[in-house]
Amino acid sequence: MATADRPQIDTTKPSIARVYDAFVGGKDNFEVDRQVLQQILKLAPEAVQVGRQCRAWLIRVVRFLSGHAGIDQFLDLGSGLPTAENTHQAAQRLNAEARVVYIDNDASVAAHGRALLEENDYTHFTVGDLRNPAEILSDPVVTKYLDFSRPVALIQCNTLHHVTNDEDPQGIMSAYVDALAPGSYLAISHLHNPADGSSRAKLATESQLRFNSMMGSCYYRKWEEIQDLFCGLEMVEPGLAYLFDWWPDGPRLTEPTDAEHNLLGGVARKI
């Protein structure tokens, strides 16, 4: 029986979290989710590689934050289902006592999250909707394990492009940023439409239509719109960039595809 914090899983409709899980080769998805992936693969055959690139970018970001930046508190919003490597594993590899709180409102994540993510006393999960910052910031799990008088890393990896313009993504992010202490960091990755008439712009437009017809809301935004989500914070070099250009682990051996150009990511610091 579903409870208030464990909503019922509906296997007849695709789930954003489960579709992403299918993109990165996970096993916590159903046929209805894999059908969405198959439709996207018809538009962009390299979509699975793009999904893996998103995860690789997240891990590089967390390594930077936990290592070079010395952050020991992480709030991962819209965390999705666990995959091969996650925020807490990357952070705790460098600092075993780094605290990580995951937030997600997806029923599948709620069902699996506590068992799969709470691997130690420093990793926690709670159900919540990132579109409601006041509720997230006052959640008992968040307030118990994160100290907002000290720097926190706030992560929005592939989440905000599911927030509609009517839901005011910039206003949502302003509320979160206002709650962060100086020295905190914000990491965002987001689907991008260059809106320049190029093949990349065409792919972004077609993919957005396909996503929205199958699973609700998904919006490819312009560079300026994504940059505004950082609320004027100081960007870490190289700024808002293609994921493959954000401090890659090594030299690029192949040319990025159009689909890989349809994602931007960046990290910013609150002074």
Protein backbone atom coordinates (compact mmCIF):
# COMPACT_ATOMS: atom_id res chain seq x y z
CA MET A 1 0.00 0.00 0.00
CA ALA A 2 1.35 3.45 -0.92
CA THR A 3 2.09 5.89 1.87
CA ALA A 4 2.54 9.64 1.88
CA ASP A 5 6.30 9.28 1.43
CA ARG A 6 6.20 6.16 -0.74
CA PRO A 7 3.87 6.87 -3.68
CA GLN A 8 2.58 3.96 -5.74
CA ILE A 9 4.68 2.97 -8.75
CA ASP A 10 2.72 3.17 -12.01
CA THR A 11 4.30 0.79 -14.51
CA THR A 12 1.90 1.82 -17.29
CA LYS A 13 3.42 5.30 -17.68
CA PRO A 14 7.04 6.25 -18.31
CA SER A 15 8.94 7.78 -15.43
CA ILE A 16 11.62 10.43 -15.94
CA ALA A 17 13.88 8.71 -13.41
CA ARG A 18 13.40 5.27 -14.99
CA VAL A 19 13.92 6.61 -18.52
CA TYR A 20 17.22 8.16 -17.43
CA ASP A 21 18.08 4.83 -15.82
CA ALA A 22 17.50 3.14 -19.18
CA PHE A 23 19.67 5.77 -20.88
CA VAL A 24 22.66 4.92 -18.70
CA GLY A 25 22.18 1.17 -18.93
CA GLY A 26 20.50 0.63 -15.56
CA LYS A 27 18.17 -2.20 -14.65
CA ASP A 28 15.48 -0.32 -12.67
CA ASN A 29 13.17 0.44 -15.60
CA PHE A 30 10.19 -1.07 -17.38
CA GLU A 31 9.20 -1.67 -20.99
CA VAL A 32 7.23 1.60 -21.09
CA ASP A 33 10.43 3.46 -20.15
CA ARG A 34 12.53 1.60 -22.70
CA GLN A 35 9.99 2.54 -25.38
CA VAL A 36 10.73 6.20 -24.71
CA LEU A 37 14.44 5.47 -25.06
CA GLN A 38 13.84 3.66 -28.35
CA GLN A 39 11.90 6.65 -29.71
CA ILE A 40 14.72 9.02 -28.76
CA LEU A 41 17.30 6.67 -30.30
CA LYS A 42 15.47 6.98 -33.62
CA LEU A 43 16.16 10.73 -33.49
CA ALA A 44 19.60 10.53 -31.90
CA PRO A 45 21.27 7.11 -32.04
CA GLU A 46 24.01 8.41 -29.74
CA ALA A 47 21.55 9.16 -26.90
CA VAL A 48 22.86 6.37 -24.67
CA GLN A 49 26.38 7.76 -24.95
CA VAL A 50 24.99 11.19 -24.04
CA GLY A 51 23.33 9.74 -20.94
CA ARG A 52 26.62 8.25 -19.84
CA GLN A 53 28.36 11.54 -20.54
CA CYS A 54 25.91 13.27 -18.17
CA ARG A 55 26.81 10.84 -15.40
CA ALA A 56 30.53 11.25 -16.09
CA TRP A 57 30.16 15.06 -15.87
CA LEU A 58 28.39 14.73 -12.52
CA ILE A 59 31.17 12.55 -11.11
CA ARG A 60 33.85 15.01 -12.30
CA VAL A 61 31.92 17.85 -10.67
CA VAL A 62 31.58 15.99 -7.38
CA ARG A 63 35.28 15.11 -7.40
CA PHE A 64 36.11 18.79 -7.85
CA LEU A 65 33.73 19.88 -5.11
CA SER A 66 34.78 17.25 -2.60
CA GLY A 67 38.47 17.48 -3.42
CA HIS A 68 39.65 20.88 -4.62
CA ALA A 69 36.77 22.91 -3.16
CA GLY A 70 36.71 21.02 0.14
CA ILE A 71 32.92 20.70 0.26
CA ASP A 72 31.67 18.05 2.70
CA GLN A 73 27.89 18.57 2.36
CA PHE A 74 25.86 17.78 -0.76
CA LEU A 75 22.17 18.26 -1.58
CA ASP A 76 21.37 16.34 -4.77
CA LEU A 77 17.97 17.39 -6.10
CA GLY A 78 16.06 15.09 -8.43
CA SER A 79 18.75 12.49 -7.86
CA GLY A 80 17.08 9.73 -9.87
CA LEU A 81 17.75 6.02 -9.54
CA PRO A 82 21.17 4.76 -8.44
CA THR A 83 23.51 3.84 -11.29
CA ALA A 84 27.09 2.58 -11.51
CA GLU A 85 28.46 5.56 -9.58
CA ASN A 86 26.62 8.20 -7.61
CA THR A 87 27.23 11.49 -5.84
CA HIS A 88 27.85 9.93 -2.43
CA GLN A 89 30.32 7.40 -3.77
CA ALA A 90 32.36 10.01 -5.63
CA ALA A 91 32.33 12.43 -2.67
CA GLN A 92 33.06 9.83 0.00
CA ARG A 93 35.94 8.36 -1.98
CA LEU A 94 37.75 11.62 -1.22
CA ASN A 95 36.12 12.33 2.16
CA ALA A 96 34.58 9.34 3.91
CA GLU A 97 32.53 11.65 6.14
CA ALA A 98 31.04 13.78 3.36
CA ARG A 99 27.28 14.06 3.95
CA VAL A 100 24.96 13.55 1.01
CA VAL A 101 21.18 14.00 1.01
CA TYR A 102 19.28 12.89 -2.08
CA ILE A 103 15.85 14.30 -2.95
CA ASP A 104 13.40 12.86 -5.47
CA ASN A 105 9.62 12.71 -5.88
CA ASP A 106 9.56 9.76 -8.26
CA ALA A 107 7.79 6.67 -6.89
CA SER A 108 10.43 4.32 -8.27
CA VAL A 109 13.22 6.28 -6.63
CA ALA A 110 11.30 6.36 -3.34
CA ALA A 111 10.89 2.59 -3.47
CA HIS A 112 14.56 1.89 -4.18
CA GLY A 113 16.24 4.94 -2.74
CA ARG A 114 16.55 4.13 0.93
CA ALA A 115 17.79 0.59 0.40
CA LEU A 116 20.20 1.41 -2.41
CA LEU A 117 21.47 4.83 -1.36
CA GLU A 118 21.76 4.68 2.40
CA GLU A 119 25.01 2.78 2.37
CA ASN A 120 26.40 4.48 5.47
CA ASP A 121 25.61 7.00 8.20
CA TYR A 122 26.53 9.89 5.91
CA THR A 123 24.16 9.13 3.00
CA HIS A 124 20.42 9.84 3.20
CA PHE A 125 17.32 9.99 1.01
CA THR A 126 13.99 11.76 1.37
CA VAL A 127 10.97 12.22 -0.86
CA GLY A 128 10.41 15.78 -2.09
CA ASP A 129 9.66 17.93 -5.12
CA LEU A 130 12.53 20.23 -6.10
CA ARG A 131 9.98 22.75 -7.38
CA ASN A 132 9.07 23.49 -3.74
CA PRO A 133 12.28 24.90 -2.22
CA ALA A 134 10.63 25.97 1.05
CA GLU A 135 9.48 22.38 1.66
CA ILE A 136 12.83 20.90 0.67
CA LEU A 137 14.83 23.27 2.84
CA SER A 138 12.63 22.57 5.86
CA ASP A 139 12.46 18.80 5.35
CA PRO A 140 13.48 17.01 8.59
CA VAL A 141 16.06 14.84 6.80
CA VAL A 142 17.64 17.88 5.14
CA THR A 143 17.75 19.94 8.32
CA LYS A 144 19.05 17.01 10.39
CA TYR A 145 21.99 16.11 8.18
CA LEU A 146 22.96 19.35 6.42
CA ASP A 147 24.17 22.52 8.16
CA PHE A 148 23.20 25.51 6.01
CA SER A 149 25.32 27.85 8.10
CA ARG A 150 28.27 26.15 6.36
CA PRO A 151 28.99 25.68 2.63
CA VAL A 152 26.81 23.17 0.79
CA ALA A 153 27.04 21.88 -2.78
CA LEU A 154 23.61 22.02 -4.44
CA ILE A 155 23.30 19.75 -7.46
CA GLN A 156 20.71 20.03 -10.23
CA CYS A 157 21.85 17.42 -12.75
CA ASN A 158 19.42 17.13 -15.67
CA THR A 159 16.50 18.28 -13.55
CA LEU A 160 15.59 21.87 -14.36
CA HIS A 161 14.73 21.16 -17.99
CA HIS A 162 11.72 19.29 -16.60
CA VAL A 163 10.50 22.47 -14.89
CA THR A 164 8.16 24.52 -17.08
CA ASN A 165 8.53 28.26 -17.57
CA ASP A 166 5.19 28.73 -15.80
CA GLU A 167 6.72 27.05 -12.74
CA ASP A 168 9.43 29.75 -12.71
CA PRO A 169 12.72 27.81 -12.68
CA GLN A 170 14.74 30.97 -12.05
CA GLY A 171 12.58 31.88 -9.06
CA ILE A 172 12.98 28.35 -7.72
CA MET A 173 16.74 28.57 -8.00
CA SER A 174 16.82 32.03 -6.38
CA ALA A 175 15.11 30.57 -3.32
CA TYR A 176 17.71 27.82 -3.05
CA VAL A 177 20.64 30.16 -3.63
CA ASP A 178 19.37 32.57 -0.97
CA ALA A 179 19.50 29.71 1.56
CA LEU A 180 23.12 28.82 0.80
CA ALA A 181 25.99 30.05 2.95
CA PRO A 182 28.90 31.93 1.37
CA GLY A 183 31.39 29.44 -0.04
CA SER A 184 28.62 27.15 -1.26
CA TYR A 185 28.51 25.83 -4.83
CA LEU A 186 25.75 25.26 -7.37
CA ALA A 187 26.09 22.68 -10.17
CA ILE A 188 23.59 22.57 -13.05
CA SER A 189 23.39 20.55 -16.25
CA HIS A 190 20.60 21.33 -18.68
CA LEU A 191 19.38 20.50 -22.19
CA HIS A 192 20.34 23.23 -24.66
CA ASN A 193 18.82 24.59 -27.86
CA PRO A 194 21.17 26.99 -29.67
CA ALA A 195 18.15 28.34 -31.62
CA ASP A 196 20.44 29.19 -34.53
CA GLY A 197 18.87 27.20 -37.35
CA SER A 198 21.58 24.55 -37.15
CA SER A 199 21.17 20.77 -37.15
CA ARG A 200 21.71 20.91 -33.39
CA ALA A 201 18.81 23.32 -33.01
CA LYS A 202 16.62 21.09 -35.18
CA LEU A 203 17.51 18.04 -33.07
CA ALA A 204 16.72 19.96 -29.87
CA THR A 205 13.31 21.02 -31.20
CA GLU A 206 12.42 17.53 -32.43
CA SER A 207 13.63 15.85 -29.25
CA GLN A 208 11.65 18.26 -27.10
CA LEU A 209 8.48 17.47 -29.03
CA ARG A 210 9.14 13.73 -28.75
CA PHE A 211 9.87 13.87 -25.02
CA ASN A 212 6.82 16.00 -24.26
CA SER A 213 4.52 13.73 -26.23
CA MET A 214 5.64 10.72 -24.21
CA MET A 215 6.51 11.81 -20.68
CA GLY A 216 5.31 15.25 -19.72
CA SER A 217 7.68 18.17 -19.56
CA CYS A 218 11.13 18.56 -21.08
CA TYR A 219 12.47 21.89 -22.32
CA TYR A 220 15.64 22.65 -24.24
CA ARG A 221 16.59 26.22 -23.26
CA LYS A 222 18.91 28.84 -24.73
CA TRP A 223 22.37 29.49 -23.28
CA GLU A 224 21.23 32.76 -21.68
CA GLU A 225 18.23 31.10 -20.03
CA ILE A 226 20.42 28.39 -18.51
CA GLN A 227 23.02 30.91 -17.37
CA ASP A 228 20.30 32.87 -15.57
CA LEU A 229 19.59 29.81 -13.40
CA PHE A 230 22.93 30.41 -11.64
CA CYS A 231 21.45 33.60 -10.17
CA GLY A 232 24.56 35.74 -10.65
CA LEU A 233 26.93 33.42 -8.75
CA GLU A 234 30.62 33.39 -9.66
CA MET A 235 31.18 30.75 -12.35
CA VAL A 236 34.03 28.28 -12.04
CA GLU A 237 36.13 28.04 -15.20
CA PRO A 238 35.30 27.22 -17.96
CA GLY A 239 31.86 28.64 -17.11
CA LEU A 240 28.69 27.28 -18.69
CA ALA A 241 30.07 24.85 -21.26
CA TYR A 242 29.36 21.68 -23.18
CA LEU A 243 29.64 18.77 -20.76
CA PHE A 244 32.54 17.28 -22.72
CA ASP A 245 34.47 20.56 -22.33
CA TRP A 246 33.99 20.83 -18.55
CA TRP A 247 37.35 19.60 -17.21
CA PRO A 248 37.44 16.32 -19.17
CA ASP A 249 39.44 13.41 -17.80
CA GLY A 250 41.57 13.20 -20.93
CA PRO A 251 41.87 14.18 -24.59
CA ARG A 252 38.83 13.78 -26.82
CA LEU A 253 39.36 11.01 -29.38
CA THR A 254 36.18 11.54 -31.41
CA GLU A 255 34.25 14.59 -32.50
CA PRO A 256 31.17 15.31 -30.35
CA THR A 257 27.81 14.62 -31.97
CA ASP A 258 24.92 17.05 -32.28
CA ALA A 259 23.23 15.38 -29.31
CA GLU A 260 26.32 15.92 -27.17
CA HIS A 261 26.19 19.61 -28.08
CA ASN A 262 22.61 19.75 -26.77
CA LEU A 263 23.73 19.66 -23.12
CA LEU A 264 25.41 22.40 -21.11
CA GLY A 265 26.78 22.27 -17.60
CA GLY A 266 28.45 24.56 -15.14
CA VAL A 267 29.47 25.10 -11.53
CA ALA A 268 29.27 28.39 -9.65
CA ARG A 269 30.33 29.62 -6.20
CA LYS A 270 28.46 31.88 -3.83
CA ILE A 271 30.76 34.62 -2.59
